[in-house]
PDB file of N, CA and C in Angstrom:
ATOM      1  N   UNK A   1      70.640 116.525 126.083  1.00  0.00           N
ATOM      2  CA  UNK A   1      71.581 116.773 125.006  1.00  0.00           C
ATOM      3  C   UNK A   1      71.942 115.465 124.279  1.00  0.00           C
ATOM      4  N   UNK A   2      72.179 114.391 125.062  1.00  0.00           N
ATOM      5  CA  UNK A   2      72.531 113.115 124.449  1.00  0.00           C
ATOM      6  C   UNK A   2      71.363 112.566 123.629  1.00  0.00           C
ATOM      7  N   UNK A   3      70.134 112.758 124.129  1.00  0.00           N
ATOM      8  CA  UNK A   3      68.967 112.281 123.383  1.00  0.00           C
ATOM      9  C   UNK A   3      68.830 113.023 122.059  1.00  0.00           C
ATOM     10  N   UNK A   4      69.079 114.326 122.076  1.00  0.00           N
ATOM     11  CA  UNK A   4      68.998 115.114 120.841  1.00  0.00           C
ATOM     12  C   UNK A   4      70.030 114.625 119.822  1.00  0.00           C
ATOM     13  N   UNK A   5      71.231 114.349 120.294  1.00  0.00           N
ATOM     14  CA  UNK A   5      72.290 113.867 119.413  1.00  0.00           C
ATOM     15  C   UNK A   5      71.915 112.509 118.822  1.00  0.00           C
ATOM     16  N   UNK A   6      71.364 111.613 119.640  1.00  0.00           N
ATOM     17  CA  UNK A   6      70.945 110.305 119.144  1.00  0.00           C
ATOM     18  C   UNK A   6      69.826 110.425 118.117  1.00  0.00           C
ATOM     19  N   UNK A   7      68.892 111.324 118.352  1.00  0.00           N
ATOM     20  CA  UNK A   7      67.794 111.531 117.405  1.00  0.00           C
ATOM     21  C   UNK A   7      68.332 112.063 116.081  1.00  0.00           C
ATOM     22  N   UNK A   8      69.247 113.012 116.138  1.00  0.00           N
ATOM     23  CA  UNK A   8      69.834 113.564 114.910  1.00  0.00           C
ATOM     24  C   UNK A   8      70.603 112.483 114.159  1.00  0.00           C
ATOM     25  N   UNK A   9      71.406 111.694 114.867  1.00  0.00           N
ATOM     26  CA  UNK A   9      72.162 110.622 114.211  1.00  0.00           C
ATOM     27  C   UNK A   9      71.229 109.587 113.587  1.00  0.00           C
ATOM     28  N   UNK A  10      70.151 109.247 114.290  1.00  0.00           N
ATOM     29  CA  UNK A  10      69.184 108.291 113.747  1.00  0.00           C
ATOM     30  C   UNK A  10      68.528 108.840 112.490  1.00  0.00           C
ATOM     31  N   UNK A  11      68.162 110.118 112.508  1.00  0.00           N
ATOM     32  CA  UNK A  11      67.548 110.730 111.325  1.00  0.00           C
ATOM     33  C   UNK A  11      68.505 110.770 110.145  1.00  0.00           C
ATOM     34  N   UNK A  12      69.759 111.090 110.411  1.00  0.00           N
ATOM     35  CA  UNK A  12      70.764 111.110 109.344  1.00  0.00           C
ATOM     36  C   UNK A  12      70.943 109.703 108.776  1.00  0.00           C
ATOM     37  N   UNK A  13      71.002 108.697 109.670  1.00  0.00           N
ATOM     38  CA  UNK A  13      71.146 107.308 109.215  1.00  0.00           C
ATOM     39  C   UNK A  13      69.975 106.902 108.327  1.00  0.00           C
ATOM     40  N   UNK A  14      68.745 107.198 108.777  1.00  0.00           N
ATOM     41  CA  UNK A  14      67.579 106.811 107.986  1.00  0.00           C
ATOM     42  C   UNK A  14      67.491 107.608 106.688  1.00  0.00           C
ATOM     43  N   UNK A  15      67.933 108.853 106.705  1.00  0.00           N
ATOM     44  CA  UNK A  15      67.944 109.644 105.474  1.00  0.00           C
ATOM     45  C   UNK A  15      68.912 109.032 104.467  1.00  0.00           C
ATOM     46  N   UNK A  16      70.100 108.616 104.943  1.00  0.00           N
ATOM     47  CA  UNK A  16      71.047 107.947 104.052  1.00  0.00           C
ATOM     48  C   UNK A  16      70.478 106.622 103.562  1.00  0.00           C
ATOM     49  N   UNK A  17      69.779 105.886 104.439  1.00  0.00           N
ATOM     50  CA  UNK A  17      69.220 104.583 104.065  1.00  0.00           C
ATOM     51  C   UNK A  17      68.171 104.725 102.977  1.00  0.00           C
ATOM     52  N   UNK A  18      67.371 105.786 103.043  1.00  0.00           N
ATOM     53  CA  UNK A  18      66.355 106.000 102.018  1.00  0.00           C
ATOM     54  C   UNK A  18      67.012 106.304 100.682  1.00  0.00           C
ATOM     55  N   UNK A  19      68.076 107.093 100.707  1.00  0.00           N
ATOM     56  CA  UNK A  19      68.772 107.471  99.481  1.00  0.00           C
ATOM     57  C   UNK A  19      69.764 106.395  99.034  1.00  0.00           C
ATOM     58  N   UNK A  20      70.144 105.523  99.946  1.00  0.00           N
ATOM     59  CA  UNK A  20      71.190 104.536  99.658  1.00  0.00           C
ATOM     60  C   UNK A  20      70.737 103.528  98.624  1.00  0.00           C
ATOM     61  N   UNK A  21      71.706 103.059  97.887  1.00  0.00           N
ATOM     62  CA  UNK A  21      71.443 101.993  96.929  1.00  0.00           C
ATOM     63  C   UNK A  21      71.714 100.646  97.577  1.00  0.00           C
ATOM     64  N   UNK A  22      71.084  99.617  97.060  1.00  0.00           N
ATOM     65  CA  UNK A  22      71.282  98.265  97.554  1.00  0.00           C
ATOM     66  C   UNK A  22      72.210  97.545  96.591  1.00  0.00           C
ATOM     67  N   UNK A  23      73.293  96.985  97.112  1.00  0.00           N
ATOM     68  CA  UNK A  23      74.283  96.298  96.277  1.00  0.00           C
ATOM     69  C   UNK A  23      74.277  94.809  96.584  1.00  0.00           C
ATOM     70  N   UNK A  24      74.475  93.995  95.546  1.00  0.00           N
ATOM     71  CA  UNK A  24      74.675  92.563  95.709  1.00  0.00           C
ATOM     72  C   UNK A  24      75.608  92.115  94.609  1.00  0.00           C
ATOM     73  N   UNK A  25      76.637  91.345  94.965  1.00  0.00           N
ATOM     74  CA  UNK A  25      77.555  90.867  93.931  1.00  0.00           C
ATOM     75  C   UNK A  25      78.105  89.494  94.294  1.00  0.00           C
ATOM     76  N   UNK A  26      78.384  88.724  93.256  1.00  0.00           N
ATOM     77  CA  UNK A  26      79.043  87.430  93.365  1.00  0.00           C
ATOM     78  C   UNK A  26      80.428  87.582  92.754  1.00  0.00           C
ATOM     79  N   UNK A  27      81.385  86.860  93.285  1.00  0.00           N
ATOM     80  CA  UNK A  27      82.724  86.939  92.719  1.00  0.00           C
ATOM     81  C   UNK A  27      83.417  85.591  92.840  1.00  0.00           C
ATOM     82  N   UNK A  28      84.444  85.410  92.063  1.00  0.00           N
ATOM     83  CA  UNK A  28      85.228  84.187  92.082  1.00  0.00           C
ATOM     84  C   UNK A  28      86.530  84.414  91.358  1.00  0.00           C
ATOM     85  N   UNK A  29      87.463  83.526  91.586  1.00  0.00           N
ATOM     86  CA  UNK A  29      88.739  83.676  90.910  1.00  0.00           C
ATOM     87  C   UNK A  29      89.760  82.650  91.350  1.00  0.00           C
ATOM     88  N   UNK A  30      90.948  82.806  90.841  1.00  0.00           N
ATOM     89  CA  UNK A  30      92.086  81.935  91.114  1.00  0.00           C
ATOM     90  C   UNK A  30      93.004  82.640  92.100  1.00  0.00           C
ATOM     91  N   UNK A  31      93.616  81.890  92.993  1.00  0.00           N
ATOM     92  CA  UNK A  31      94.539  82.485  93.950  1.00  0.00           C
ATOM     93  C   UNK A  31      95.675  81.516  94.243  1.00  0.00           C
ATOM     94  N   UNK A  32      96.750  82.042  94.751  1.00  0.00           N
ATOM     95  CA  UNK A  32      97.825  81.185  95.241  1.00  0.00           C
ATOM     96  C   UNK A  32      97.678  81.083  96.751  1.00  0.00           C
ATOM     97  N   UNK A  33      98.027  79.945  97.297  1.00  0.00           N
ATOM     98  CA  UNK A  33      97.899  79.729  98.734  1.00  0.00           C
ATOM     99  C   UNK A  33      99.212  79.204  99.289  1.00  0.00           C
ATOM    100  N   UNK A  34      99.530  79.618 100.494  1.00  0.00           N
ATOM    101  CA  UNK A  34     100.690  79.102 101.203  1.00  0.00           C
ATOM    102  C   UNK A  34     100.163  78.257 102.344  1.00  0.00           C
ATOM    103  N   UNK A  35     100.285  76.974 102.214  1.00  0.00           N
ATOM    104  CA  UNK A  35      99.746  76.056 103.210  1.00  0.00           C
ATOM    105  C   UNK A  35     100.885  75.214 103.772  1.00  0.00           C
ATOM    106  N   UNK A  36     101.917  75.877 104.265  1.00  0.00           N
ATOM    107  CA  UNK A  36     103.099  75.196 104.765  1.00  0.00           C
ATOM    108  C   UNK A  36     102.812  74.228 105.891  1.00  0.00           C
ATOM    109  N   UNK A  37     102.009  74.651 106.869  1.00  0.00           N
ATOM    110  CA  UNK A  37     101.699  73.775 108.004  1.00  0.00           C
ATOM    111  C   UNK A  37     100.938  72.536 107.553  1.00  0.00           C
ATOM    112  N   UNK A  38      99.949  72.734 106.690  1.00  0.00           N
ATOM    113  CA  UNK A  38      99.162  71.593 106.223  1.00  0.00           C
ATOM    114  C   UNK A  38     100.019  70.636 105.412  1.00  0.00           C
ATOM    115  N   UNK A  39     100.857  71.179 104.535  1.00  0.00           N
ATOM    116  CA  UNK A  39     101.738  70.324 103.742  1.00  0.00           C
ATOM    117  C   UNK A  39     102.703  69.553 104.630  1.00  0.00           C
ATOM    118  N   UNK A  40     103.208  70.192 105.707  1.00  0.00           N
ATOM    119  CA  UNK A  40     104.113  69.516 106.641  1.00  0.00           C
ATOM    120  C   UNK A  40     103.395  68.397 107.370  1.00  0.00           C
ATOM    121  N   UNK A  41     102.167  68.642 107.818  1.00  0.00           N
ATOM    122  CA  UNK A  41     101.411  67.597 108.515  1.00  0.00           C
ATOM    123  C   UNK A  41     101.114  66.413 107.597  1.00  0.00           C
ATOM    124  N   UNK A  42     100.759  66.701 106.353  1.00  0.00           N
ATOM    125  CA  UNK A  42     100.508  65.617 105.404  1.00  0.00           C
ATOM    126  C   UNK A  42     101.793  64.844 105.141  1.00  0.00           C
ATOM    127  N   UNK A  43     102.909  65.552 105.026  1.00  0.00           N
ATOM    128  CA  UNK A  43     104.197  64.881 104.791  1.00  0.00           C
ATOM    129  C   UNK A  43     104.563  63.993 105.977  1.00  0.00           C
ATOM    130  N   UNK A  44     104.359  64.490 107.213  1.00  0.00           N
ATOM    131  CA  UNK A  44     104.651  63.687 108.407  1.00  0.00           C
ATOM    132  C   UNK A  44     103.775  62.443 108.461  1.00  0.00           C
ATOM    133  N   UNK A  45     102.496  62.586 108.123  1.00  0.00           N
ATOM    134  CA  UNK A  45     101.596  61.438 108.096  1.00  0.00           C
ATOM    135  C   UNK A  45     102.033  60.456 107.020  1.00  0.00           C
ATOM    136  N   UNK A  46     102.412  60.978 105.876  1.00  0.00           N
ATOM    137  CA  UNK A  46     102.879  60.142 104.773  1.00  0.00           C
ATOM    138  C   UNK A  46     104.150  59.385 105.176  1.00  0.00           C
ATOM    139  N   UNK A  47     105.060  60.049 105.893  1.00  0.00           N
ATOM    140  CA  UNK A  47     106.305  59.406 106.324  1.00  0.00           C
ATOM    141  C   UNK A  47     106.057  58.348 107.391  1.00  0.00           C
ATOM    142  N   UNK A  48     104.990  58.507 108.191  1.00  0.00           N
ATOM    143  CA  UNK A  48     104.723  57.549 109.267  1.00  0.00           C
ATOM    144  C   UNK A  48     104.116  56.247 108.753  1.00  0.00           C
ATOM    145  N   UNK A  49     103.578  56.269 107.558  1.00  0.00           N
ATOM    146  CA  UNK A  49     102.997  55.062 106.967  1.00  0.00           C
ATOM    147  C   UNK A  49     104.124  54.234 106.356  1.00  0.00           C
ATOM    148  N   UNK A  50     104.142  52.954 106.678  1.00  0.00           N
ATOM    149  CA  UNK A  50     105.180  52.074 106.124  1.00  0.00           C
ATOM    150  C   UNK A  50     104.536  51.069 105.179  1.00  0.00           C
ATOM    151  N   UNK A  51     104.392  51.467 103.925  1.00  0.00           N
ATOM    152  CA  UNK A  51     103.764  50.551 102.956  1.00  0.00           C
ATOM    153  C   UNK A  51     104.758  49.517 102.454  1.00  0.00           C
ATOM    154  N   UNK A  52     104.291  48.741 101.564  1.00  0.00           N
ATOM    155  CA  UNK A  52     105.126  47.756 100.895  1.00  0.00           C
ATOM    156  C   UNK A  52     106.290  48.474 100.213  1.00  0.00           C
ATOM    157  N   UNK A  53     107.523  47.994 100.387  1.00  0.00           N
ATOM    158  CA  UNK A  53     108.687  48.678  99.773  1.00  0.00           C
ATOM    159  C   UNK A  53     108.591  48.808  98.255  1.00  0.00           C
ATOM    160  N   UNK A  54     107.778  48.004  97.641  1.00  0.00           N
ATOM    161  CA  UNK A  54     107.654  48.073  96.183  1.00  0.00           C
ATOM    162  C   UNK A  54     106.814  49.283  95.762  1.00  0.00           C
ATOM    163  N   UNK A  55     106.055  49.864  96.719  1.00  0.00           N
ATOM    164  CA  UNK A  55     105.206  51.012  96.409  1.00  0.00           C
ATOM    165  C   UNK A  55     105.980  52.293  96.686  1.00  0.00           C
ATOM    166  N   UNK A  56     106.023  53.172  95.716  1.00  0.00           N
ATOM    167  CA  UNK A  56     106.700  54.450  95.923  1.00  0.00           C
ATOM    168  C   UNK A  56     105.680  55.481  96.422  1.00  0.00           C
ATOM    169  N   UNK A  57     106.082  56.268  97.418  1.00  0.00           N
ATOM    170  CA  UNK A  57     105.205  57.294  97.973  1.00  0.00           C
ATOM    171  C   UNK A  57     105.363  58.581  97.170  1.00  0.00           C
ATOM    172  N   UNK A  58     104.263  59.233  96.926  1.00  0.00           N
ATOM    173  CA  UNK A  58     104.283  60.494  96.200  1.00  0.00           C
ATOM    174  C   UNK A  58     103.335  61.464  96.895  1.00  0.00           C
ATOM    175  N   UNK A  59     103.771  62.705  97.056  1.00  0.00           N
ATOM    176  CA  UNK A  59     102.932  63.712  97.686  1.00  0.00           C
ATOM    177  C   UNK A  59     102.879  64.949  96.806  1.00  0.00           C
ATOM    178  N   UNK A  60     101.687  65.445  96.593  1.00  0.00           N
ATOM    179  CA  UNK A  60     101.492  66.681  95.855  1.00  0.00           C
ATOM    180  C   UNK A  60     101.108  67.760  96.857  1.00  0.00           C
ATOM    181  N   UNK A  61     101.844  68.846  96.890  1.00  0.00           N
ATOM    182  CA  UNK A  61     101.599  69.918  97.858  1.00  0.00           C
ATOM    183  C   UNK A  61     100.553  70.896  97.333  1.00  0.00           C
ATOM    184  N   UNK A  62      99.801  71.491  98.294  1.00  0.00           N
ATOM    185  CA  UNK A  62      98.840  72.530  97.950  1.00  0.00           C
ATOM    186  C   UNK A  62      99.588  73.832  97.678  1.00  0.00           C
ATOM    187  N   UNK A  63      99.428  74.389  96.494  1.00  0.00           N
ATOM    188  CA  UNK A  63     100.094  75.650  96.151  1.00  0.00           C
ATOM    189  C   UNK A  63      99.164  76.642  95.465  1.00  0.00           C
ATOM    190  N   UNK A  64      97.996  76.191  95.063  1.00  0.00           N
ATOM    191  CA  UNK A  64      97.071  77.070  94.359  1.00  0.00           C
ATOM    192  C   UNK A  64      95.651  76.779  94.824  1.00  0.00           C
ATOM    193  N   UNK A  65      94.747  77.657  94.483  1.00  0.00           N
ATOM    194  CA  UNK A  65      93.378  77.461  94.923  1.00  0.00           C
ATOM    195  C   UNK A  65      92.409  78.350  94.174  1.00  0.00           C
ATOM    196  N   UNK A  66      91.164  78.299  94.627  1.00  0.00           N
ATOM    197  CA  UNK A  66      90.119  79.121  94.034  1.00  0.00           C
ATOM    198  C   UNK A  66      89.359  79.819  95.155  1.00  0.00           C
ATOM    199  N   UNK A  67      88.711  80.906  94.804  1.00  0.00           N
ATOM    200  CA  UNK A  67      87.940  81.673  95.769  1.00  0.00           C
ATOM    201  C   UNK A  67      86.591  82.002  95.145  1.00  0.00           C
ATOM    202  N   UNK A  68      85.531  81.811  95.933  1.00  0.00           N
ATOM    203  CA  UNK A  68      84.184  82.194  95.511  1.00  0.00           C
ATOM    204  C   UNK A  68      83.512  82.895  96.681  1.00  0.00           C
ATOM    205  N   UNK A  69      82.614  83.794  96.392  1.00  0.00           N
ATOM    206  CA  UNK A  69      81.954  84.500  97.481  1.00  0.00           C
ATOM    207  C   UNK A  69      80.812  85.373  96.999  1.00  0.00           C
ATOM    208  N   UNK A  70      80.174  85.989  97.984  1.00  0.00           N
ATOM    209  CA  UNK A  70      79.066  86.902  97.718  1.00  0.00           C
ATOM    210  C   UNK A  70      79.099  88.009  98.759  1.00  0.00           C
ATOM    211  N   UNK A  71      78.626  89.171  98.364  1.00  0.00           N
ATOM    212  CA  UNK A  71      78.528  90.281  99.298  1.00  0.00           C
ATOM    213  C   UNK A  71      77.295  91.100  98.980  1.00  0.00           C
ATOM    214  N   UNK A  72      76.756  91.720 100.018  1.00  0.00           N
ATOM    215  CA  UNK A  72      75.577  92.549  99.867  1.00  0.00           C
ATOM    216  C   UNK A  72      75.678  93.717 100.844  1.00  0.00           C
ATOM    217  N   UNK A  73      74.957  94.758 100.571  1.00  0.00           N
ATOM    218  CA  UNK A  73      75.004  95.878 101.493  1.00  0.00           C
ATOM    219  C   UNK A  73      74.317  97.116 100.961  1.00  0.00           C
ATOM    220  N   UNK A  74      74.280  98.111 101.809  1.00  0.00           N
ATOM    221  CA  UNK A  74      73.747  99.419 101.448  1.00  0.00           C
ATOM    222  C   UNK A  74      74.907 100.327 101.075  1.00  0.00           C
ATOM    223  N   UNK A  75      74.683 101.172 100.112  1.00  0.00           N
ATOM    224  CA  UNK A  75      75.706 102.109  99.673  1.00  0.00           C
ATOM    225  C   UNK A  75      75.203 103.537  99.893  1.00  0.00           C
ATOM    226  N   UNK A  76      75.481 104.117 101.073  1.00  0.00           N
ATOM    227  CA  UNK A  76      74.973 105.460 101.357  1.00  0.00           C
ATOM    228  C   UNK A  76      75.627 106.545 100.503  1.00  0.00           C
ATOM    229  N   UNK A  77      76.889 106.341 100.147  1.00  0.00           N
ATOM    230  CA  UNK A  77      77.594 107.268  99.274  1.00  0.00           C
ATOM    231  C   UNK A  77      78.391 106.451  98.271  1.00  0.00           C
ATOM    232  N   UNK A  78      78.679 106.987  97.111  1.00  0.00           N
ATOM    233  CA  UNK A  78      79.453 106.228  96.124  1.00  0.00           C
ATOM    234  C   UNK A  78      80.821 105.819  96.685  1.00  0.00           C
ATOM    235  N   UNK A  79      81.165 104.559  96.487  1.00  0.00           N
ATOM    236  CA  UNK A  79      82.450 104.060  96.940  1.00  0.00           C
ATOM    237  C   UNK A  79      82.432 103.456  98.336  1.00  0.00           C
ATOM    238  N   UNK A  80      81.291 103.501  99.024  1.00  0.00           N
ATOM    239  CA  UNK A  80      81.192 102.932 100.372  1.00  0.00           C
ATOM    240  C   UNK A  80      80.010 101.982 100.415  1.00  0.00           C
ATOM    241  N   UNK A  81      80.270 100.726 100.763  1.00  0.00           N
ATOM    242  CA  UNK A  81      79.218  99.726 100.901  1.00  0.00           C
ATOM    243  C   UNK A  81      79.312  99.118 102.288  1.00  0.00           C
ATOM    244  N   UNK A  82      78.192  99.073 102.992  1.00  0.00           N
ATOM    245  CA  UNK A  82      78.157  98.564 104.354  1.00  0.00           C
ATOM    246  C   UNK A  82      77.258  97.333 104.375  1.00  0.00           C
ATOM    247  N   UNK A  83      77.826  96.171 104.727  1.00  0.00           N
ATOM    248  CA  UNK A  83      77.032  94.958 104.765  1.00  0.00           C
ATOM    249  C   UNK A  83      77.894  93.723 104.892  1.00  0.00           C
ATOM    250  N   UNK A  84      77.263  92.535 104.935  1.00  0.00           N
ATOM    251  CA  UNK A  84      78.007  91.282 105.128  1.00  0.00           C
ATOM    252  C   UNK A  84      78.659  90.779 103.840  1.00  0.00           C
ATOM    253  N   UNK A  85      79.700  89.961 104.040  1.00  0.00           N
ATOM    254  CA  UNK A  85      80.436  89.360 102.928  1.00  0.00           C
ATOM    255  C   UNK A  85      80.823  87.952 103.352  1.00  0.00           C
ATOM    256  N   UNK A  86      80.719  86.986 102.460  1.00  0.00           N
ATOM    257  CA  UNK A  86      81.109  85.616 102.767  1.00  0.00           C
ATOM    258  C   UNK A  86      82.002  85.113 101.646  1.00  0.00           C
ATOM    259  N   UNK A  87      83.064  84.371 102.018  1.00  0.00           N
ATOM    260  CA  UNK A  87      84.020  83.860 101.044  1.00  0.00           C
ATOM    261  C   UNK A  87      84.355  82.405 101.348  1.00  0.00           C
ATOM    262  N   UNK A  88      84.753  81.664 100.331  1.00  0.00           N
ATOM    263  CA  UNK A  88      85.246  80.306 100.492  1.00  0.00           C
ATOM    264  C   UNK A  88      86.507  80.169  99.663  1.00  0.00           C
ATOM    265  N   UNK A  89      87.576  79.669 100.282  1.00  0.00           N
ATOM    266  CA  UNK A  89      88.827  79.425  99.568  1.00  0.00           C
ATOM    267  C   UNK A  89      89.077  77.924  99.589  1.00  0.00           C
ATOM    268  N   UNK A  90      89.240  77.339  98.426  1.00  0.00           N
ATOM    269  CA  UNK A  90      89.508  75.902  98.319  1.00  0.00           C
ATOM    270  C   UNK A  90      90.889  75.674  97.743  1.00  0.00           C
ATOM    271  N   UNK A  91      91.572  74.664  98.244  1.00  0.00           N
ATOM    272  CA  UNK A  91      92.910  74.339  97.766  1.00  0.00           C
ATOM    273  C   UNK A  91      92.871  73.341  96.632  1.00  0.00           C
ATOM    274  N   UNK A  92      93.769  73.517  95.672  1.00  0.00           N
ATOM    275  CA  UNK A  92      93.907  72.607  94.539  1.00  0.00           C
ATOM    276  C   UNK A  92      95.327  72.059  94.599  1.00  0.00           C
ATOM    277  N   UNK A  93      95.444  70.759  94.517  1.00  0.00           N
ATOM    278  CA  UNK A  93      96.785  70.170  94.557  1.00  0.00           C
ATOM    279  C   UNK A  93      97.360  70.029  93.181  1.00  0.00           C
TER     280      UNK A  93
END
């Protein structure tokens, strides 16, 4: 019984795969980021440095960023895509 069920599921999967469309897309955009821990660590490091008193210390916090990525997959039915996705988020000061 279990073998029959596995065979049926495999056939259904391959039937969807034959009919499925292949999707690939690139994306990118602007985002806001909350990097409180990183900003605190940078501030602590900045405070630990004792430069010449004539030099004023200035710190710019990370508050915004960008995102780029790509995704690909099979679409067995409209509105459903199954596959890997990779993203990169970079901070802008």
